[in-house]
Amino acid sequence: MSETVLDKIVAAKRREIADCRARTPEAELRKKLADAPPPRDFFAALAAPGPIRLIAEVKKASPSAGV
């Protein structure tokens, strides 16, 4: 069975994550997380008053389409 483009992307990302974990101690990541701003409220963005409620993502290409 041949690998799809998406399979290759997932494999590459798993290698990248493993490399990052090897380079950066977990304690350092936890400190950065504690200092990070809180995440944005997805529901509040959609429920906010006003005529336009938009959450968008722009992609250069679609990996699942093989591009």
C-alpha atoms as a PDB file:
ATOM      1  CA  MET A   1       0.000   0.000   0.000  1.00  0.00           C
ATOM      2  CA  SER A   2       1.482   3.351  -1.000  1.00  0.00           C
ATOM      3  CA  GLU A   3       1.772   6.291   1.334  1.00  0.00           C
ATOM      4  CA  THR A   4      -0.519   9.229   0.687  1.00  0.00           C
ATOM      5  CA  VAL A   5       0.655  12.830   0.852  1.00  0.00           C
ATOM      6  CA  LEU A   6      -1.190  13.164   4.141  1.00  0.00           C
ATOM      7  CA  ASP A   7       0.589  10.075   5.544  1.00  0.00           C
ATOM      8  CA  LYS A   8       3.934  11.658   4.631  1.00  0.00           C
ATOM      9  CA  ILE A   9       2.972  14.932   6.312  1.00  0.00           C
ATOM     10  CA  VAL A  10       1.910  13.115   9.495  1.00  0.00           C
ATOM     11  CA  ALA A  11       5.152  11.098   9.555  1.00  0.00           C
ATOM     12  CA  ALA A  12       7.236  14.256   9.070  1.00  0.00           C
ATOM     13  CA  LYS A  13       5.328  16.074  11.820  1.00  0.00           C
ATOM     14  CA  ARG A  14       5.832  13.153  14.211  1.00  0.00           C
ATOM     15  CA  ARG A  15       9.589  13.291  13.548  1.00  0.00           C
ATOM     16  CA  GLU A  16       9.562  17.067  14.054  1.00  0.00           C
ATOM     17  CA  ILE A  17       7.734  16.708  17.385  1.00  0.00           C
ATOM     18  CA  ALA A  18      10.167  14.015  18.552  1.00  0.00           C
ATOM     19  CA  ASP A  19      13.104  16.290  17.651  1.00  0.00           C
ATOM     20  CA  CYS A  20      11.542  19.218  19.540  1.00  0.00           C
ATOM     21  CA  ARG A  21      10.947  17.051  22.600  1.00  0.00           C
ATOM     22  CA  ALA A  22      14.571  15.936  22.532  1.00  0.00           C
ATOM     23  CA  ARG A  23      15.844  19.552  22.297  1.00  0.00           C
ATOM     24  CA  THR A  24      13.586  21.279  24.838  1.00  0.00           C
ATOM     25  CA  PRO A  25      13.065  20.034  28.408  1.00  0.00           C
ATOM     26  CA  GLU A  26       9.446  19.596  29.489  1.00  0.00           C
ATOM     27  CA  ALA A  27       9.978  21.951  32.458  1.00  0.00           C
ATOM     28  CA  GLU A  28      10.958  24.750  30.072  1.00  0.00           C
ATOM     29  CA  LEU A  29       7.837  24.167  27.974  1.00  0.00           C
ATOM     30  CA  ARG A  30       5.660  24.238  31.095  1.00  0.00           C
ATOM     31  CA  LYS A  31       7.193  27.574  32.123  1.00  0.00           C
ATOM     32  CA  LYS A  32       6.498  29.034  28.687  1.00  0.00           C
ATOM     33  CA  LEU A  33       2.937  27.745  28.908  1.00  0.00           C
ATOM     34  CA  ALA A  34       2.444  29.388  32.305  1.00  0.00           C
ATOM     35  CA  ASP A  35       3.669  32.709  30.858  1.00  0.00           C
ATOM     36  CA  ALA A  36       1.530  32.456  27.697  1.00  0.00           C
ATOM     37  CA  PRO A  37      -1.614  34.535  27.242  1.00  0.00           C
ATOM     38  CA  PRO A  38      -4.927  32.699  27.686  1.00  0.00           C
ATOM     39  CA  PRO A  39      -6.466  31.133  24.570  1.00  0.00           C
ATOM     40  CA  ARG A  40      -9.104  33.068  22.667  1.00  0.00           C
ATOM     41  CA  ASP A  41     -12.723  32.168  23.345  1.00  0.00           C
ATOM     42  CA  PHE A  42     -14.084  30.538  20.175  1.00  0.00           C
ATOM     43  CA  PHE A  43     -17.714  30.580  21.309  1.00  0.00           C
ATOM     44  CA  ALA A  44     -17.529  34.224  22.418  1.00  0.00           C
ATOM     45  CA  ALA A  45     -16.202  35.198  18.985  1.00  0.00           C
ATOM     46  CA  LEU A  46     -19.230  33.602  17.324  1.00  0.00           C
ATOM     47  CA  ALA A  47     -21.733  34.873  19.903  1.00  0.00           C
ATOM     48  CA  ALA A  48     -20.439  38.467  19.952  1.00  0.00           C
ATOM     49  CA  PRO A  49     -22.928  41.142  18.908  1.00  0.00           C
ATOM     50  CA  GLY A  50     -22.509  42.719  15.510  1.00  0.00           C
ATOM     51  CA  PRO A  51     -23.401  42.017  11.903  1.00  0.00           C
ATOM     52  CA  ILE A  52     -20.381  39.838  11.080  1.00  0.00           C
ATOM     53  CA  ARG A  53     -19.112  36.808  12.984  1.00  0.00           C
ATOM     54  CA  LEU A  54     -16.291  35.180  11.126  1.00  0.00           C
ATOM     55  CA  ILE A  55     -13.574  32.735  12.010  1.00  0.00           C
ATOM     56  CA  ALA A  56     -11.452  31.849   8.993  1.00  0.00           C
ATOM     57  CA  GLU A  57      -8.350  29.973   8.018  1.00  0.00           C
ATOM     58  CA  VAL A  58      -6.409  30.632   4.833  1.00  0.00           C
ATOM     59  CA  LYS A  59      -4.300  27.827   3.444  1.00  0.00           C
ATOM     60  CA  LYS A  60      -1.759  27.932   0.668  1.00  0.00           C
ATOM     61  CA  ALA A  61      -2.667  24.403  -0.428  1.00  0.00           C
ATOM     62  CA  SER A  62      -4.561  21.319   0.660  1.00  0.00           C
ATOM     63  CA  PRO A  63      -2.398  18.361   1.748  1.00  0.00           C
ATOM     64  CA  SER A  64      -5.295  15.935   1.344  1.00  0.00           C
ATOM     65  CA  ALA A  65      -5.617  16.982  -2.314  1.00  0.00           C
ATOM     66  CA  GLY A  66      -1.975  16.127  -2.895  1.00  0.00           C
ATOM     67  CA  VAL A  67      -0.919  19.748  -3.347  1.00  0.00           C
END
